[in-house]
PDB file of all heavy atoms in Angstrom:
ATOM      1  N   ALA A   1     -12.848  -4.147  19.732  1.00  0.00           N
ATOM      2  CA  ALA A   1     -12.631  -3.101  18.805  1.00  0.00           C
ATOM      3  C   ALA A   1     -11.093  -2.743  18.756  1.00  0.00           C
ATOM      4  O   ALA A   1     -10.525  -2.427  17.732  1.00  0.00           O
ATOM      5  CB  ALA A   1     -13.372  -1.794  19.372  1.00  0.00           C
ATOM      6  N   ARG A   2     -10.425  -2.959  19.863  1.00  0.00           N
ATOM      7  CA  ARG A   2      -8.947  -2.801  19.935  1.00  0.00           C
ATOM      8  C   ARG A   2      -8.265  -3.817  18.966  1.00  0.00           C
ATOM      9  O   ARG A   2      -7.319  -3.461  18.284  1.00  0.00           O
ATOM     10  CB  ARG A   2      -8.502  -2.851  21.352  1.00  0.00           C
ATOM     11  CG  ARG A   2      -6.949  -2.585  21.479  1.00  0.00           C
ATOM     12  CD  ARG A   2      -6.586  -2.802  22.985  1.00  0.00           C
ATOM     13  NE  ARG A   2      -5.252  -2.766  23.151  1.00  0.00           N
ATOM     14  CZ  ARG A   2      -4.453  -1.856  23.559  1.00  0.00           C
ATOM     15  NH1 ARG A   2      -4.928  -0.684  23.961  1.00  0.00           N
ATOM     16  NH2 ARG A   2      -3.140  -2.093  23.742  1.00  0.00           N
ATOM     17  N   GLU A   3      -8.764  -5.117  19.040  1.00  0.00           N
ATOM     18  CA  GLU A   3      -8.192  -6.148  18.217  1.00  0.00           C
ATOM     19  C   GLU A   3      -8.440  -5.802  16.677  1.00  0.00           C
ATOM     20  O   GLU A   3      -7.610  -6.060  15.934  1.00  0.00           O
ATOM     21  CB  GLU A   3      -8.764  -7.498  18.624  1.00  0.00           C
ATOM     22  CG  GLU A   3      -8.205  -8.050  19.950  1.00  0.00           C
ATOM     23  CD  GLU A   3      -6.716  -8.061  20.053  1.00  0.00           C
ATOM     24  OE1 GLU A   3      -6.112  -8.599  19.052  1.00  0.00           O
ATOM     25  OE2 GLU A   3      -6.140  -7.635  20.961  1.00  0.00           O
ATOM     26  N   LEU A   4      -9.600  -5.269  16.431  1.00  0.00           N
ATOM     27  CA  LEU A   4     -10.011  -4.890  15.071  1.00  0.00           C
ATOM     28  C   LEU A   4      -8.986  -3.795  14.565  1.00  0.00           C
ATOM     29  O   LEU A   4      -8.544  -3.848  13.484  1.00  0.00           O
ATOM     30  CB  LEU A   4     -11.472  -4.358  15.091  1.00  0.00           C
ATOM     31  CG  LEU A   4     -12.014  -4.002  13.716  1.00  0.00           C
ATOM     32  CD1 LEU A   4     -13.504  -4.247  13.738  1.00  0.00           C
ATOM     33  CD2 LEU A   4     -11.741  -2.534  13.372  1.00  0.00           C
ATOM     34  N   VAL A   5      -8.752  -2.776  15.418  1.00  0.00           N
ATOM     35  CA  VAL A   5      -7.838  -1.742  14.983  1.00  0.00           C
ATOM     36  C   VAL A   5      -6.293  -2.322  14.767  1.00  0.00           C
ATOM     37  O   VAL A   5      -5.776  -2.098  13.762  1.00  0.00           O
ATOM     38  CB  VAL A   5      -7.751  -0.607  16.059  1.00  0.00           C
ATOM     39  CG1 VAL A   5      -6.627   0.392  15.805  1.00  0.00           C
ATOM     40  CG2 VAL A   5      -9.084   0.090  16.148  1.00  0.00           C
ATOM     41  N   LEU A   6      -5.864  -3.198  15.624  1.00  0.00           N
ATOM     42  CA  LEU A   6      -4.690  -3.828  15.435  1.00  0.00           C
ATOM     43  C   LEU A   6      -4.570  -4.596  14.216  1.00  0.00           C
ATOM     44  O   LEU A   6      -3.580  -4.664  13.440  1.00  0.00           O
ATOM     45  CB  LEU A   6      -4.295  -4.581  16.651  1.00  0.00           C
ATOM     46  CG  LEU A   6      -4.014  -3.823  17.952  1.00  0.00           C
ATOM     47  CD1 LEU A   6      -3.860  -4.733  19.182  1.00  0.00           C
ATOM     48  CD2 LEU A   6      -2.851  -2.951  17.815  1.00  0.00           C
ATOM     49  N   GLY A   7      -5.696  -5.346  14.002  1.00  0.00           N
ATOM     50  CA  GLY A   7      -5.793  -6.139  12.676  1.00  0.00           C
ATOM     51  C   GLY A   7      -5.821  -5.275  11.524  1.00  0.00           C
ATOM     52  O   GLY A   7      -5.138  -5.644  10.489  1.00  0.00           O
ATOM     53  N   TYR A   8      -6.426  -4.152  11.495  1.00  0.00           N
ATOM     54  CA  TYR A   8      -6.465  -3.300  10.372  1.00  0.00           C
ATOM     55  C   TYR A   8      -5.033  -2.750  10.119  1.00  0.00           C
ATOM     56  O   TYR A   8      -4.657  -2.732   8.936  1.00  0.00           O
ATOM     57  CB  TYR A   8      -7.329  -2.041  10.687  1.00  0.00           C
ATOM     58  CG  TYR A   8      -7.366  -0.981   9.540  1.00  0.00           C
ATOM     59  CD1 TYR A   8      -8.177  -0.954   8.489  1.00  0.00           C
ATOM     60  CD2 TYR A   8      -6.456   0.122   9.611  1.00  0.00           C
ATOM     61  CE1 TYR A   8      -8.164  -0.111   7.483  1.00  0.00           C
ATOM     62  CE2 TYR A   8      -6.367   1.038   8.603  1.00  0.00           C
ATOM     63  CZ  TYR A   8      -7.178   0.967   7.600  1.00  0.00           C
ATOM     64  OH  TYR A   8      -7.159   1.906   6.524  1.00  0.00           O
ATOM     65  N   VAL A   9      -4.256  -2.309  11.194  1.00  0.00           N
ATOM     66  CA  VAL A   9      -2.898  -1.855  10.900  1.00  0.00           C
ATOM     67  C   VAL A   9      -2.088  -2.988  10.379  1.00  0.00           C
ATOM     68  O   VAL A   9      -1.290  -2.768   9.447  1.00  0.00           O
ATOM     69  CB  VAL A   9      -2.321  -1.393  12.315  1.00  0.00           C
ATOM     70  CG1 VAL A   9      -0.850  -1.069  12.237  1.00  0.00           C
ATOM     71  CG2 VAL A   9      -3.101  -0.123  12.784  1.00  0.00           C
ATOM     72  N   ASP A  10      -2.215  -4.219  10.854  1.00  0.00           N
ATOM     73  CA  ASP A  10      -1.365  -5.306  10.292  1.00  0.00           C
ATOM     74  C   ASP A  10      -1.818  -5.594   8.865  1.00  0.00           C
ATOM     75  O   ASP A  10      -0.909  -5.757   7.918  1.00  0.00           O
ATOM     76  CB  ASP A  10      -1.715  -6.576  11.057  1.00  0.00           C
ATOM     77  CG  ASP A  10      -1.099  -6.639  12.473  1.00  0.00           C
ATOM     78  OD1 ASP A  10      -0.235  -5.835  12.724  1.00  0.00           O
ATOM     79  OD2 ASP A  10      -1.503  -7.447  13.266  1.00  0.00           O
ATOM     80  N   ALA A  11      -3.109  -5.553   8.574  1.00  0.00           N
ATOM     81  CA  ALA A  11      -3.569  -5.638   7.135  1.00  0.00           C
ATOM     82  C   ALA A  11      -3.040  -4.495   6.280  1.00  0.00           C
ATOM     83  O   ALA A  11      -2.601  -4.848   5.128  1.00  0.00           O
ATOM     84  CB  ALA A  11      -5.102  -5.756   7.070  1.00  0.00           C
ATOM     85  N   LEU A  12      -3.023  -3.351   6.731  1.00  0.00           N
ATOM     86  CA  LEU A  12      -2.497  -2.155   5.953  1.00  0.00           C
ATOM     87  C   LEU A  12      -1.053  -2.462   5.706  1.00  0.00           C
ATOM     88  O   LEU A  12      -0.541  -2.229   4.622  1.00  0.00           O
ATOM     89  CB  LEU A  12      -2.753  -0.879   6.655  1.00  0.00           C
ATOM     90  CG  LEU A  12      -2.322   0.359   6.014  1.00  0.00           C
ATOM     91  CD1 LEU A  12      -3.084   0.657   4.711  1.00  0.00           C
ATOM     92  CD2 LEU A  12      -2.573   1.582   6.929  1.00  0.00           C
ATOM     93  N   ASN A  13      -0.336  -2.911   6.643  1.00  0.00           N
ATOM     94  CA  ASN A  13       1.171  -3.178   6.434  1.00  0.00           C
ATOM     95  C   ASN A  13       1.268  -4.296   5.520  1.00  0.00           C
ATOM     96  O   ASN A  13       2.324  -4.308   4.680  1.00  0.00           O
ATOM     97  CB  ASN A  13       1.738  -3.581   7.862  1.00  0.00           C
ATOM     98  CG  ASN A  13       1.973  -2.324   8.719  1.00  0.00           C
ATOM     99  OD1 ASN A  13       2.107  -1.195   8.239  1.00  0.00           O
ATOM    100  ND2 ASN A  13       1.985  -2.635   9.958  1.00  0.00           N
ATOM    101  N   ALA A  14       0.438  -5.358   5.527  1.00  0.00           N
ATOM    102  CA  ALA A  14       0.566  -6.410   4.510  1.00  0.00           C
ATOM    103  C   ALA A  14       0.302  -5.960   3.041  1.00  0.00           C
ATOM    104  O   ALA A  14       0.944  -6.408   2.125  1.00  0.00           O
ATOM    105  CB  ALA A  14      -0.411  -7.546   4.935  1.00  0.00           C
ATOM    106  N   VAL A  15      -0.690  -5.074   2.941  1.00  0.00           N
ATOM    107  CA  VAL A  15      -0.951  -4.440   1.664  1.00  0.00           C
ATOM    108  C   VAL A  15       0.222  -3.705   1.167  1.00  0.00           C
ATOM    109  O   VAL A  15       0.652  -3.760  -0.024  1.00  0.00           O
ATOM    110  CB  VAL A  15      -2.248  -3.540   1.686  1.00  0.00           C
ATOM    111  CG1 VAL A  15      -2.276  -2.644   0.513  1.00  0.00           C
ATOM    112  CG2 VAL A  15      -3.491  -4.462   1.984  1.00  0.00           C
ATOM    113  N   ASP A  16       0.793  -2.863   2.026  1.00  0.00           N
ATOM    114  CA  ASP A  16       1.943  -2.047   1.579  1.00  0.00           C
ATOM    115  C   ASP A  16       3.182  -3.013   1.159  1.00  0.00           C
ATOM    116  O   ASP A  16       3.670  -2.643   0.117  1.00  0.00           O
ATOM    117  CB  ASP A  16       2.481  -1.171   2.812  1.00  0.00           C
ATOM    118  CG  ASP A  16       3.545  -0.334   2.475  1.00  0.00           C
ATOM    119  OD1 ASP A  16       3.557   0.408   1.546  1.00  0.00           O
ATOM    120  OD2 ASP A  16       4.666  -0.384   3.237  1.00  0.00           O
ATOM    121  N   GLU A  17       3.394  -4.016   1.926  1.00  0.00           N
ATOM    122  CA  GLU A  17       4.475  -4.970   1.489  1.00  0.00           C
ATOM    123  C   GLU A  17       4.185  -5.614   0.089  1.00  0.00           C
ATOM    124  O   GLU A  17       5.047  -5.713  -0.723  1.00  0.00           O
ATOM    125  CB  GLU A  17       4.675  -6.122   2.604  1.00  0.00           C
ATOM    126  CG  GLU A  17       5.312  -5.536   3.805  1.00  0.00           C
ATOM    127  CD  GLU A  17       5.482  -6.535   4.922  1.00  0.00           C
ATOM    128  OE1 GLU A  17       5.464  -7.795   4.589  1.00  0.00           O
ATOM    129  OE2 GLU A  17       5.514  -6.193   6.087  1.00  0.00           O
ATOM    130  N   ALA A  18       2.917  -6.108   0.006  1.00  0.00           N
ATOM    131  CA  ALA A  18       2.540  -6.728  -1.243  1.00  0.00           C
ATOM    132  C   ALA A  18       2.665  -5.805  -2.491  1.00  0.00           C
ATOM    133  O   ALA A  18       3.124  -6.270  -3.492  1.00  0.00           O
ATOM    134  CB  ALA A  18       1.193  -7.347  -1.183  1.00  0.00           C
ATOM    135  N   MET A  19       2.173  -4.536  -2.357  1.00  0.00           N
ATOM    136  CA  MET A  19       2.237  -3.652  -3.391  1.00  0.00           C
ATOM    137  C   MET A  19       3.604  -3.237  -3.754  1.00  0.00           C
ATOM    138  O   MET A  19       4.022  -3.164  -4.971  1.00  0.00           O
ATOM    139  CB  MET A  19       1.391  -2.397  -3.031  1.00  0.00           C
ATOM    140  CG  MET A  19      -0.190  -2.680  -2.965  1.00  0.00           C
ATOM    141  SD  MET A  19      -0.924  -3.184  -4.478  1.00  0.00           S
ATOM    142  CE  MET A  19      -0.888  -1.693  -5.393  1.00  0.00           C
ATOM    143  N   ARG A  20       4.434  -3.022  -2.688  1.00  0.00           N
ATOM    144  CA  ARG A  20       5.851  -2.576  -3.055  1.00  0.00           C
ATOM    145  C   ARG A  20       6.670  -3.787  -3.589  1.00  0.00           C
ATOM    146  O   ARG A  20       7.617  -3.584  -4.538  1.00  0.00           O
ATOM    147  CB  ARG A  20       6.472  -2.039  -1.814  1.00  0.00           C
ATOM    148  CG  ARG A  20       5.821  -0.764  -1.532  1.00  0.00           C
ATOM    149  CD  ARG A  20       6.573   0.180  -0.530  1.00  0.00           C
ATOM    150  NE  ARG A  20       6.722  -0.435   0.869  1.00  0.00           N
ATOM    151  CZ  ARG A  20       7.835  -0.203   1.517  1.00  0.00           C
ATOM    152  NH1 ARG A  20       8.860   0.386   1.063  1.00  0.00           N
ATOM    153  NH2 ARG A  20       7.798  -0.815   2.699  1.00  0.00           N
ATOM    154  N   ALA A  21       6.308  -5.049  -3.212  1.00  0.00           N
ATOM    155  CA  ALA A  21       7.031  -6.223  -3.797  1.00  0.00           C
ATOM    156  C   ALA A  21       6.548  -6.274  -5.324  1.00  0.00           C
ATOM    157  O   ALA A  21       7.356  -6.695  -6.165  1.00  0.00           O
ATOM    158  CB  ALA A  21       6.649  -7.508  -3.061  1.00  0.00           C
ATOM    159  N   ALA A  22       5.269  -6.072  -5.623  1.00  0.00           N
ATOM    160  CA  ALA A  22       4.819  -6.268  -6.997  1.00  0.00           C
ATOM    161  C   ALA A  22       5.158  -5.068  -7.924  1.00  0.00           C
ATOM    162  O   ALA A  22       5.328  -5.301  -9.102  1.00  0.00           O
ATOM    163  CB  ALA A  22       3.307  -6.407  -6.970  1.00  0.00           C
ATOM    164  N   ILE A  23       5.319  -3.913  -7.326  1.00  0.00           N
ATOM    165  CA  ILE A  23       5.616  -2.672  -8.098  1.00  0.00           C
ATOM    166  C   ILE A  23       6.848  -2.042  -7.605  1.00  0.00           C
ATOM    167  O   ILE A  23       6.754  -1.245  -6.669  1.00  0.00           O
ATOM    168  CB  ILE A  23       4.456  -1.640  -8.156  1.00  0.00           C
ATOM    169  CG1 ILE A  23       3.154  -2.428  -8.510  1.00  0.00           C
ATOM    170  CG2 ILE A  23       4.764  -0.485  -9.055  1.00  0.00           C
ATOM    171  CD1 ILE A  23       1.860  -1.497  -8.352  1.00  0.00           C
ATOM    172  N   PRO A  24       8.067  -2.453  -8.005  1.00  0.00           N
ATOM    173  CA  PRO A  24       9.304  -2.010  -7.380  1.00  0.00           C
ATOM    174  C   PRO A  24       9.512  -0.550  -7.384  1.00  0.00           C
ATOM    175  O   PRO A  24      10.206   0.037  -6.527  1.00  0.00           O
ATOM    176  CB  PRO A  24      10.381  -2.639  -8.271  1.00  0.00           C
ATOM    177  CG  PRO A  24       9.733  -3.924  -8.817  1.00  0.00           C
ATOM    178  CD  PRO A  24       8.222  -3.393  -9.000  1.00  0.00           C
ATOM    179  N   SER A  25       8.823   0.201  -8.329  1.00  0.00           N
ATOM    180  CA  SER A  25       8.949   1.740  -8.319  1.00  0.00           C
ATOM    181  C   SER A  25       8.201   2.370  -7.160  1.00  0.00           C
ATOM    182  O   SER A  25       8.376   3.639  -6.968  1.00  0.00           O
ATOM    183  CB  SER A  25       8.632   2.305  -9.568  1.00  0.00           C
ATOM    184  OG  SER A  25       7.194   2.035  -9.883  1.00  0.00           O
ATOM    185  N   LEU A  26       7.418   1.686  -6.455  1.00  0.00           N
ATOM    186  CA  LEU A  26       6.517   2.201  -5.363  1.00  0.00           C
ATOM    187  C   LEU A  26       7.438   2.309  -4.151  1.00  0.00           C
ATOM    188  O   LEU A  26       7.930   1.448  -3.505  1.00  0.00           O
ATOM    189  CB  LEU A  26       5.479   1.177  -5.127  1.00  0.00           C
ATOM    190  CG  LEU A  26       4.106   1.724  -4.618  1.00  0.00           C
ATOM    191  CD1 LEU A  26       3.498   2.471  -5.676  1.00  0.00           C
ATOM    192  CD2 LEU A  26       3.210   0.457  -4.262  1.00  0.00           C
ATOM    193  N   GLU A  27       7.649   3.623  -3.755  1.00  0.00           N
ATOM    194  CA  GLU A  27       8.386   3.932  -2.543  1.00  0.00           C
ATOM    195  C   GLU A  27       7.570   3.919  -1.277  1.00  0.00           C
ATOM    196  O   GLU A  27       7.935   3.524  -0.211  1.00  0.00           O
ATOM    197  CB  GLU A  27       9.124   5.135  -2.595  1.00  0.00           C
ATOM    198  CG  GLU A  27      10.293   5.128  -3.698  1.00  0.00           C
ATOM    199  CD  GLU A  27      10.974   6.560  -3.706  1.00  0.00           C
ATOM    200  OE1 GLU A  27      11.091   7.310  -2.692  1.00  0.00           O
ATOM    201  OE2 GLU A  27      11.570   6.884  -4.785  1.00  0.00           O
ATOM    202  N   ARG A  28       6.229   4.242  -1.429  1.00  0.00           N
ATOM    203  CA  ARG A  28       5.309   4.184  -0.459  1.00  0.00           C
ATOM    204  C   ARG A  28       3.952   3.938  -1.046  1.00  0.00           C
ATOM    205  O   ARG A  28       3.770   4.201  -2.252  1.00  0.00           O
ATOM    206  CB  ARG A  28       5.314   5.505   0.425  1.00  0.00           C
ATOM    207  CG  ARG A  28       5.121   6.630  -0.391  1.00  0.00           C
ATOM    208  CD  ARG A  28       5.281   8.015   0.263  1.00  0.00           C
ATOM    209  NE  ARG A  28       4.994   9.085  -0.650  1.00  0.00           N
ATOM    210  CZ  ARG A  28       4.788  10.313  -0.375  1.00  0.00           C
ATOM    211  NH1 ARG A  28       5.006  10.660   0.934  1.00  0.00           N
ATOM    212  NH2 ARG A  28       4.526  11.175  -1.301  1.00  0.00           N
ATOM    213  N   LEU A  29       3.032   3.505  -0.246  1.00  0.00           N
ATOM    214  CA  LEU A  29       1.708   3.150  -0.726  1.00  0.00           C
ATOM    215  C   LEU A  29       0.965   4.290  -1.380  1.00  0.00           C
ATOM    216  O   LEU A  29       0.275   4.020  -2.445  1.00  0.00           O
ATOM    217  CB  LEU A  29       0.829   2.435   0.430  1.00  0.00           C
ATOM    218  CG  LEU A  29      -0.337   1.764   0.061  1.00  0.00           C
ATOM    219  CD1 LEU A  29      -0.020   0.533  -0.916  1.00  0.00           C
ATOM    220  CD2 LEU A  29      -1.024   1.200   1.370  1.00  0.00           C
ATOM    221  N   ALA A  30       1.203   5.532  -1.044  1.00  0.00           N
ATOM    222  CA  ALA A  30       0.507   6.568  -1.579  1.00  0.00           C
ATOM    223  C   ALA A  30       0.984   6.919  -3.037  1.00  0.00           C
ATOM    224  O   ALA A  30       0.284   7.482  -3.775  1.00  0.00           O
ATOM    225  CB  ALA A  30       0.828   7.823  -0.741  1.00  0.00           C
ATOM    226  N   ASP A  31       2.072   6.272  -3.472  1.00  0.00           N
ATOM    227  CA  ASP A  31       2.557   6.447  -4.825  1.00  0.00           C
ATOM    228  C   ASP A  31       1.598   5.875  -5.776  1.00  0.00           C
ATOM    229  O   ASP A  31       1.727   6.087  -6.984  1.00  0.00           O
ATOM    230  CB  ASP A  31       3.964   5.915  -4.983  1.00  0.00           C
ATOM    231  CG  ASP A  31       4.947   6.747  -4.141  1.00  0.00           C
ATOM    232  OD1 ASP A  31       4.679   7.932  -3.803  1.00  0.00           O
ATOM    233  OD2 ASP A  31       6.173   6.263  -3.988  1.00  0.00           O
ATOM    234  N   VAL A  32       0.744   4.914  -5.295  1.00  0.00           N
ATOM    235  CA  VAL A  32      -0.249   4.287  -6.197  1.00  0.00           C
ATOM    236  C   VAL A  32      -1.067   5.352  -6.928  1.00  0.00           C
ATOM    237  O   VAL A  32      -1.320   5.247  -8.135  1.00  0.00           O
ATOM    238  CB  VAL A  32      -1.132   3.315  -5.371  1.00  0.00           C
ATOM    239  CG1 VAL A  32      -2.353   2.876  -6.266  1.00  0.00           C
ATOM    240  CG2 VAL A  32      -0.363   2.126  -4.990  1.00  0.00           C
ATOM    241  N   LEU A  33      -1.431   6.465  -6.114  1.00  0.00           N
ATOM    242  CA  LEU A  33      -2.214   7.506  -6.747  1.00  0.00           C
ATOM    243  C   LEU A  33      -1.499   8.136  -7.928  1.00  0.00           C
ATOM    244  O   LEU A  33      -2.087   8.420  -8.965  1.00  0.00           O
ATOM    245  CB  LEU A  33      -2.505   8.569  -5.703  1.00  0.00           C
ATOM    246  CG  LEU A  33      -3.382   8.177  -4.618  1.00  0.00           C
ATOM    247  CD1 LEU A  33      -3.617   9.345  -3.664  1.00  0.00           C
ATOM    248  CD2 LEU A  33      -4.637   7.567  -4.935  1.00  0.00           C
ATOM    249  N   GLY A  34      -0.263   8.436  -7.801  1.00  0.00           N
ATOM    250  CA  GLY A  34       0.510   9.042  -8.860  1.00  0.00           C
ATOM    251  C   GLY A  34       0.836   8.093 -10.025  1.00  0.00           C
ATOM    252  O   GLY A  34       0.688   8.561 -11.131  1.00  0.00           O
ATOM    253  N   LEU A  35       0.885   6.835  -9.800  1.00  0.00           N
ATOM    254  CA  LEU A  35       1.104   5.857 -10.837  1.00  0.00           C
ATOM    255  C   LEU A  35      -0.251   5.828 -11.738  1.00  0.00           C
ATOM    256  O   LEU A  35      -0.224   5.619 -12.913  1.00  0.00           O
ATOM    257  CB  LEU A  35       1.399   4.470 -10.321  1.00  0.00           C
ATOM    258  CG  LEU A  35       2.768   4.345  -9.656  1.00  0.00           C
ATOM    259  CD1 LEU A  35       2.963   2.909  -9.170  1.00  0.00           C
ATOM    260  CD2 LEU A  35       3.868   4.700 -10.654  1.00  0.00           C
ATOM    261  N   VAL A  36      -1.375   5.962 -11.029  1.00  0.00           N
ATOM    262  CA  VAL A  36      -2.648   5.868 -11.882  1.00  0.00           C
ATOM    263  C   VAL A  36      -3.016   7.230 -12.542  1.00  0.00           C
ATOM    264  O   VAL A  36      -3.281   7.272 -13.639  1.00  0.00           O
ATOM    265  CB  VAL A  36      -3.821   5.635 -10.784  1.00  0.00           C
ATOM    266  CG1 VAL A  36      -5.170   5.903 -11.432  1.00  0.00           C
ATOM    267  CG2 VAL A  36      -3.725   4.128 -10.372  1.00  0.00           C
ATOM    268  N   ARG A  37      -2.627   8.354 -11.722  1.00  0.00           N
ATOM    269  CA  ARG A  37      -3.094   9.562 -12.272  1.00  0.00           C
ATOM    270  C   ARG A  37      -2.044  10.217 -13.401  1.00  0.00           C
ATOM    271  O   ARG A  37      -2.506  10.842 -14.306  1.00  0.00           O
ATOM    272  CB  ARG A  37      -3.303  10.618 -11.210  1.00  0.00           C
ATOM    273  CG  ARG A  37      -4.499  10.232 -10.256  1.00  0.00           C
ATOM    274  CD  ARG A  37      -4.671  11.204  -9.254  1.00  0.00           C
ATOM    275  NE  ARG A  37      -5.818  10.807  -8.438  1.00  0.00           N
ATOM    276  CZ  ARG A  37      -6.017  10.992  -7.155  1.00  0.00           C
ATOM    277  NH1 ARG A  37      -5.087  11.617  -6.416  1.00  0.00           N
ATOM    278  NH2 ARG A  37      -7.052  10.513  -6.457  1.00  0.00           N
ATOM    279  N   SER A  38      -0.863  10.261 -13.064  1.00  0.00           N
ATOM    280  CA  SER A  38       0.087  10.897 -13.815  1.00  0.00           C
ATOM    281  C   SER A  38       0.728  10.070 -14.944  1.00  0.00           C
ATOM    282  O   SER A  38       0.629  10.382 -16.119  1.00  0.00           O
ATOM    283  CB  SER A  38       1.299  11.372 -12.999  1.00  0.00           C
ATOM    284  OG  SER A  38       0.800  12.255 -11.970  1.00  0.00           O
ATOM    285  N   ARG A  39       1.264   8.878 -14.566  1.00  0.00           N
ATOM    286  CA  ARG A  39       2.088   8.190 -15.533  1.00  0.00           C
ATOM    287  C   ARG A  39       1.203   7.109 -16.256  1.00  0.00           C
ATOM    288  O   ARG A  39       1.663   6.435 -17.198  1.00  0.00           O
ATOM    289  CB  ARG A  39       3.310   7.618 -14.866  1.00  0.00           C
ATOM    290  CG  ARG A  39       4.139   8.638 -14.338  1.00  0.00           C
ATOM    291  CD  ARG A  39       5.401   8.033 -13.685  1.00  0.00           C
ATOM    292  NE  ARG A  39       5.688   8.935 -12.573  1.00  0.00           N
ATOM    293  CZ  ARG A  39       5.728   8.647 -11.263  1.00  0.00           C
ATOM    294  NH1 ARG A  39       5.553   7.461 -10.878  1.00  0.00           N
ATOM    295  NH2 ARG A  39       6.059   9.513 -10.379  1.00  0.00           N
ATOM    296  N   ARG A  40       0.058   6.717 -15.724  1.00  0.00           N
ATOM    297  CA  ARG A  40      -0.795   5.669 -16.255  1.00  0.00           C
ATOM    298  C   ARG A  40      -0.062   4.491 -16.266  1.00  0.00           C
ATOM    299  O   ARG A  40      -0.238   3.572 -17.178  1.00  0.00           O
ATOM    300  CB  ARG A  40      -1.306   6.129 -17.619  1.00  0.00           C
ATOM    301  CG  ARG A  40      -1.989   7.437 -17.662  1.00  0.00           C
ATOM    302  CD  ARG A  40      -3.446   7.324 -17.116  1.00  0.00           C
ATOM    303  NE  ARG A  40      -4.234   8.506 -17.334  1.00  0.00           N
ATOM    304  CZ  ARG A  40      -5.081   8.965 -16.410  1.00  0.00           C
ATOM    305  NH1 ARG A  40      -5.276   8.126 -15.423  1.00  0.00           N
ATOM    306  NH2 ARG A  40      -5.712  10.044 -16.641  1.00  0.00           N
ATOM    307  N   ILE A  41       0.816   4.172 -15.377  1.00  0.00           N
ATOM    308  CA  ILE A  41       1.572   2.979 -15.273  1.00  0.00           C
ATOM    309  C   ILE A  41       0.607   1.729 -14.846  1.00  0.00           C
ATOM    310  O   ILE A  41       0.790   0.693 -15.332  1.00  0.00           O
ATOM    311  CB  ILE A  41       2.818   3.093 -14.383  1.00  0.00           C
ATOM    312  CG1 ILE A  41       3.746   4.051 -15.053  1.00  0.00           C
ATOM    313  CG2 ILE A  41       3.482   1.775 -13.999  1.00  0.00           C
ATOM    314  CD1 ILE A  41       4.919   4.424 -14.185  1.00  0.00           C
TER     315      ILE A  41
END
């Protein structure tokens, strides 16, 4: 379970890096919500 938790944290960090590399205007992962809801980017 501990390895699973550590793996989740690593996977979450990898998602964050991939999203911010693909969408330069993303300052943090949570900004995805705003891009979808407000600006429809």
